[in-house]
Amino acid sequence: MDALIQLSHRLGAPALRMAILAEGNASARLADTFFVKASGSTLETLGERDVVECRFDGLLALVDREVVSDAQAHEALMASRIDPEAKKPSVEALFHAWLLSLPDVAYVAHTHATAVTGILCSPRARAFAERRLFPDEVVCCDVASVFVPYTDPGTSLARAIRQQTLAFMREVGRVPRVILLENHGIITLGRSVDATLGAMLMAEKAANVWAAATALGGPVFMTPEQVARIATRPDEAHRRRVLEM
């Protein structure tokens, strides 16, 4: 739990402009359960009582259902708690549960990072997910990000994330590092707190670079060949291992 609280506090730091009030959430996988931020809690000030331990099974089963009412989702979230006296898990615990079930994913972070969300609220959102501007973006955020068109939060969003993530995995052959939600925000995932935070920070830097390049007549993207070269360079592979990316 300490690592999740540390990640949450770093994500919620006011200087980063990634989450205010109760925006955003984070989770961490245990053996057969997971920790997730409680609904209405604030990342910057998250404490132990604001973290809920949940079971996977009921939430994953809910994601499989085609039609789920708000009342059914609420009941499933409350039933997933290990401690029946704990706070209500975030409604986005549904997509956290599914993402944490993927190979080598131990932490998931979701914020409404200002620069990233600005692009996701623009006509250039899909291009931001699919193209890359500079080498470190490739190293920390992979060759592309998953792009999810705007979807109502809750079970519908969890299913949309699953659909687009599985498509990415079939095409690229590995779990993504970054998932971008149109008109909503960003999700990052990783084996460690540093990897999960690092992808978030680099995506926000890329969004700021994009905005600056746009003001100067750009952006000018790396070519697919240049992106592939960075992604397969031995020295960059070593750096990813050191960074646990």
Protein backbone atom coordinates (compact mmCIF):
# COMPACT_ATOMS: atom_id res chain seq x y z
CA MET A 1 0.00 0.00 0.00
CA ASP A 2 2.87 2.39 0.75
CA ALA A 3 4.09 2.27 -2.86
CA LEU A 4 0.60 3.06 -4.17
CA ILE A 5 0.26 6.00 -1.80
CA GLN A 6 3.69 7.25 -2.87
CA LEU A 7 2.67 7.01 -6.55
CA SER A 8 -0.61 8.81 -5.84
CA HIS A 9 1.08 11.68 -4.02
CA ARG A 10 3.55 12.14 -6.87
CA LEU A 11 0.76 12.13 -9.45
CA GLY A 12 -1.28 14.58 -7.39
CA ALA A 13 1.54 17.09 -6.80
CA PRO A 14 0.08 20.50 -7.77
CA ALA A 15 3.16 21.49 -9.76
CA LEU A 16 2.58 18.65 -12.24
CA ARG A 17 -0.99 19.82 -13.07
CA MET A 18 -2.20 16.27 -13.59
CA ALA A 19 -5.04 16.02 -11.09
CA ILE A 20 -7.00 18.41 -8.88
CA LEU A 21 -9.77 17.76 -6.36
CA ALA A 22 -10.85 14.10 -6.74
CA GLU A 23 -9.55 13.70 -10.30
CA GLY A 24 -7.59 10.61 -11.29
CA ASN A 25 -6.88 7.34 -9.56
CA ALA A 26 -4.21 4.69 -9.14
CA SER A 27 -4.05 0.98 -8.34
CA ALA A 28 -1.59 -1.75 -7.42
CA ARG A 29 -1.83 -5.52 -7.88
CA LEU A 30 -1.35 -7.87 -4.94
CA ALA A 31 -1.49 -11.68 -5.26
CA ASP A 32 -5.20 -12.34 -5.74
CA THR A 33 -6.54 -8.85 -4.98
CA PHE A 34 -5.64 -5.25 -5.75
CA PHE A 35 -5.55 -1.84 -4.09
CA VAL A 36 -7.35 1.09 -5.70
CA LYS A 37 -8.14 4.67 -4.74
CA ALA A 38 -11.52 5.20 -3.07
CA SER A 39 -14.15 7.24 -4.87
CA GLY A 40 -13.97 10.95 -4.02
CA SER A 41 -10.46 10.78 -2.56
CA THR A 42 -7.68 13.13 -3.65
CA LEU A 43 -4.41 11.78 -5.04
CA GLU A 44 -2.32 14.53 -3.44
CA THR A 45 -3.50 13.71 0.08
CA LEU A 46 -4.33 10.00 -0.27
CA GLY A 47 -4.06 8.10 3.01
CA GLU A 48 -4.47 4.46 4.01
CA ARG A 49 -8.20 4.91 4.68
CA ASP A 50 -8.60 6.20 1.12
CA VAL A 51 -7.28 2.95 -0.39
CA VAL A 52 -9.63 -0.02 -0.92
CA GLU A 53 -8.58 -3.64 -1.36
CA CYS A 54 -10.77 -5.35 -3.95
CA ARG A 55 -11.32 -8.78 -5.46
CA PHE A 56 -10.82 -9.22 -9.20
CA ASP A 57 -13.45 -11.81 -10.05
CA GLY A 58 -16.71 -9.89 -9.67
CA LEU A 59 -15.37 -6.81 -11.44
CA LEU A 60 -13.88 -8.77 -14.34
CA ALA A 61 -17.18 -10.61 -14.76
CA LEU A 62 -18.98 -7.26 -14.93
CA VAL A 63 -16.70 -6.08 -17.74
CA ASP A 64 -17.79 -9.16 -19.72
CA ARG A 65 -21.46 -8.19 -19.56
CA GLU A 66 -22.94 -6.26 -22.48
CA VAL A 67 -25.46 -4.25 -20.47
CA VAL A 68 -24.88 -3.10 -16.88
CA SER A 69 -26.99 -0.53 -15.04
CA ASP A 70 -25.48 2.08 -12.74
CA ALA A 71 -27.09 0.28 -9.80
CA GLN A 72 -25.52 -3.05 -10.80
CA ALA A 73 -22.11 -1.43 -11.18
CA HIS A 74 -22.44 0.14 -7.72
CA GLU A 75 -23.40 -3.20 -6.18
CA ALA A 76 -20.47 -4.97 -7.84
CA LEU A 77 -18.00 -2.34 -6.68
CA MET A 78 -19.22 -2.56 -3.10
CA ALA A 79 -19.24 -6.36 -3.17
CA SER A 80 -15.65 -6.43 -4.44
CA ARG A 81 -14.32 -4.92 -1.18
CA ILE A 82 -12.36 -7.24 1.09
CA ASP A 83 -13.37 -5.07 4.05
CA PRO A 84 -17.11 -4.42 3.97
CA GLU A 85 -16.55 -1.27 6.04
CA ALA A 86 -14.10 0.21 3.51
CA LYS A 87 -14.99 3.17 1.32
CA LYS A 88 -16.52 2.72 -2.12
CA PRO A 89 -13.90 1.96 -4.79
CA SER A 90 -13.61 4.36 -7.69
CA VAL A 91 -15.97 3.49 -10.55
CA GLU A 92 -12.83 3.23 -12.66
CA ALA A 93 -11.75 0.25 -10.54
CA LEU A 94 -13.39 -1.73 -13.35
CA PHE A 95 -10.71 -0.87 -15.90
CA HIS A 96 -8.00 -1.02 -13.23
CA ALA A 97 -9.00 -4.62 -12.48
CA TRP A 98 -8.75 -5.62 -16.13
CA LEU A 99 -5.45 -3.82 -16.79
CA LEU A 100 -3.87 -5.28 -13.64
CA SER A 101 -4.73 -8.75 -14.94
CA LEU A 102 -2.38 -8.25 -17.91
CA PRO A 103 1.15 -9.74 -17.88
CA ASP A 104 3.84 -7.71 -16.07
CA VAL A 105 1.42 -4.97 -14.99
CA ALA A 106 1.73 -4.22 -11.28
CA TYR A 107 0.63 -0.56 -11.20
CA VAL A 108 -1.92 1.50 -13.13
CA ALA A 109 -2.24 5.29 -12.99
CA HIS A 110 -4.96 7.50 -14.46
CA THR A 111 -4.89 11.32 -14.52
CA HIS A 112 -6.37 14.25 -16.41
CA ALA A 113 -2.91 15.69 -17.16
CA THR A 114 -3.43 19.22 -18.48
CA ALA A 115 -1.30 19.21 -21.64
CA VAL A 116 -2.25 15.67 -22.67
CA THR A 117 -5.95 16.28 -22.07
CA GLY A 118 -5.73 19.48 -24.10
CA ILE A 119 -4.64 17.48 -27.13
CA LEU A 120 -7.22 14.76 -26.39
CA CYS A 121 -9.91 17.44 -26.60
CA SER A 122 -8.69 18.49 -30.05
CA PRO A 123 -8.97 17.11 -33.61
CA ARG A 124 -5.35 15.91 -33.29
CA ALA A 125 -6.00 13.38 -30.52
CA ARG A 126 -5.60 10.21 -32.58
CA ALA A 127 -2.43 11.50 -34.26
CA PHE A 128 -0.93 12.20 -30.82
CA ALA A 129 -1.54 8.55 -29.91
CA GLU A 130 -0.19 7.11 -33.14
CA ARG A 131 2.86 9.30 -33.92
CA ARG A 132 6.07 10.08 -32.04
CA LEU A 133 8.07 13.31 -31.80
CA PHE A 134 11.39 12.43 -30.10
CA PRO A 135 13.41 9.36 -28.99
CA ASP A 136 12.69 9.46 -25.25
CA GLU A 137 8.96 9.40 -26.02
CA VAL A 138 9.53 6.09 -27.81
CA VAL A 139 11.62 4.73 -24.93
CA CYS A 140 9.14 5.62 -22.19
CA CYS A 141 5.78 5.52 -24.01
CA ASP A 142 6.51 2.86 -26.69
CA VAL A 143 6.08 3.17 -30.46
CA ALA A 144 2.44 4.21 -30.09
CA SER A 145 -0.28 4.59 -27.49
CA VAL A 146 -3.68 2.94 -27.32
CA PHE A 147 -6.38 5.39 -28.41
CA VAL A 148 -9.91 5.02 -27.01
CA PRO A 149 -12.66 7.21 -28.52
CA TYR A 150 -14.78 9.00 -25.93
CA THR A 151 -16.83 6.51 -23.91
CA ASP A 152 -19.05 6.96 -20.86
CA PRO A 153 -17.06 6.14 -17.67
CA GLY A 154 -17.84 2.86 -15.94
CA THR A 155 -18.40 -0.53 -17.53
CA SER A 156 -18.68 0.89 -21.06
CA LEU A 157 -15.28 2.55 -20.73
CA ALA A 158 -13.72 -0.59 -19.25
CA ARG A 159 -14.96 -2.63 -22.22
CA ALA A 160 -13.71 -0.02 -24.70
CA ILE A 161 -10.28 0.02 -23.05
CA ARG A 162 -10.17 -3.78 -23.19
CA GLN A 163 -11.14 -3.82 -26.88
CA GLN A 164 -8.58 -1.24 -27.97
CA THR A 165 -5.82 -2.62 -25.74
CA LEU A 166 -6.23 -6.14 -27.08
CA ALA A 167 -6.09 -4.75 -30.62
CA PHE A 168 -2.83 -2.96 -29.75
CA MET A 169 -1.39 -6.14 -28.25
CA ARG A 170 -2.25 -8.15 -31.37
CA GLU A 171 -0.54 -5.56 -33.58
CA VAL A 172 2.50 -4.67 -31.47
CA GLY A 173 2.93 -7.93 -29.57
CA ARG A 174 3.16 -6.54 -26.05
CA VAL A 175 1.23 -4.73 -23.35
CA PRO A 176 1.02 -0.95 -23.97
CA ARG A 177 2.56 1.62 -21.66
CA VAL A 178 0.10 4.44 -22.40
CA ILE A 179 -3.65 4.52 -23.05
CA LEU A 180 -5.22 7.79 -24.19
CA LEU A 181 -8.91 8.46 -23.58
CA GLU A 182 -10.45 10.99 -25.96
CA ASN A 183 -11.93 14.04 -24.16
CA HIS A 184 -10.98 12.46 -20.84
CA GLY A 185 -7.36 11.73 -19.86
CA ILE A 186 -4.45 9.31 -19.78
CA ILE A 187 -3.69 5.90 -18.30
CA THR A 188 -0.19 4.49 -17.81
CA LEU A 189 0.80 1.03 -16.66
CA GLY A 190 4.01 -0.64 -15.61
CA ARG A 191 5.91 -3.15 -13.53
CA SER A 192 6.95 -0.52 -11.00
CA VAL A 193 5.96 2.84 -9.56
CA ASP A 194 8.82 4.52 -11.42
CA ALA A 195 7.88 2.97 -14.77
CA THR A 196 4.23 3.94 -14.39
CA LEU A 197 5.07 7.48 -13.31
CA GLY A 198 7.81 7.80 -15.93
CA ALA A 199 5.42 7.03 -18.79
CA MET A 200 2.96 9.58 -17.40
CA LEU A 201 5.59 12.32 -17.11
CA MET A 202 7.02 11.63 -20.57
CA ALA A 203 3.56 11.68 -22.18
CA GLU A 204 2.88 15.04 -20.55
CA LYS A 205 6.26 16.33 -21.79
CA ALA A 206 5.40 15.09 -25.29
CA ALA A 207 2.11 16.98 -25.17
CA ASN A 208 3.92 20.18 -24.19
CA VAL A 209 6.49 19.65 -26.96
CA TRP A 210 3.63 19.06 -29.40
CA ALA A 211 2.00 22.36 -28.41
CA ALA A 212 5.29 24.25 -28.76
CA ALA A 213 6.01 22.65 -32.14
CA THR A 214 2.50 23.47 -33.35
CA ALA A 215 3.02 27.14 -32.49
CA LEU A 216 6.11 27.11 -34.74
CA GLY A 217 4.40 25.49 -37.72
CA GLY A 218 4.78 21.81 -36.77
CA PRO A 219 4.85 19.27 -35.41
CA VAL A 220 7.40 17.33 -37.43
CA PHE A 221 7.03 13.65 -36.57
CA MET A 222 9.69 10.95 -36.50
CA THR A 223 9.33 8.55 -39.42
CA PRO A 224 8.17 4.96 -38.78
CA GLU A 225 11.71 3.81 -39.60
CA GLN A 226 13.22 6.21 -37.06
CA VAL A 227 10.73 5.09 -34.40
CA ALA A 228 11.47 1.42 -35.11
CA ARG A 229 15.21 2.07 -34.88
CA ILE A 230 14.92 3.67 -31.44
CA ALA A 231 12.60 0.89 -30.26
CA THR A 232 15.12 -1.81 -31.22
CA ARG A 233 18.48 -0.19 -30.40
CA PRO A 234 20.40 -2.32 -27.83
CA ASP A 235 21.40 0.73 -25.78
CA GLU A 236 17.79 1.89 -25.56
CA ALA A 237 16.68 -1.62 -24.59
CA HIS A 238 19.25 -1.53 -21.78
CA ARG A 239 17.95 1.87 -20.67
CA ARG A 240 14.38 0.54 -20.60
CA ARG A 241 15.50 -2.34 -18.40
CA VAL A 242 17.23 0.05 -16.00
CA LEU A 243 14.13 2.28 -15.92
CA GLU A 244 11.89 -0.83 -15.66
CA MET A 245 9.93 0.51 -18.63
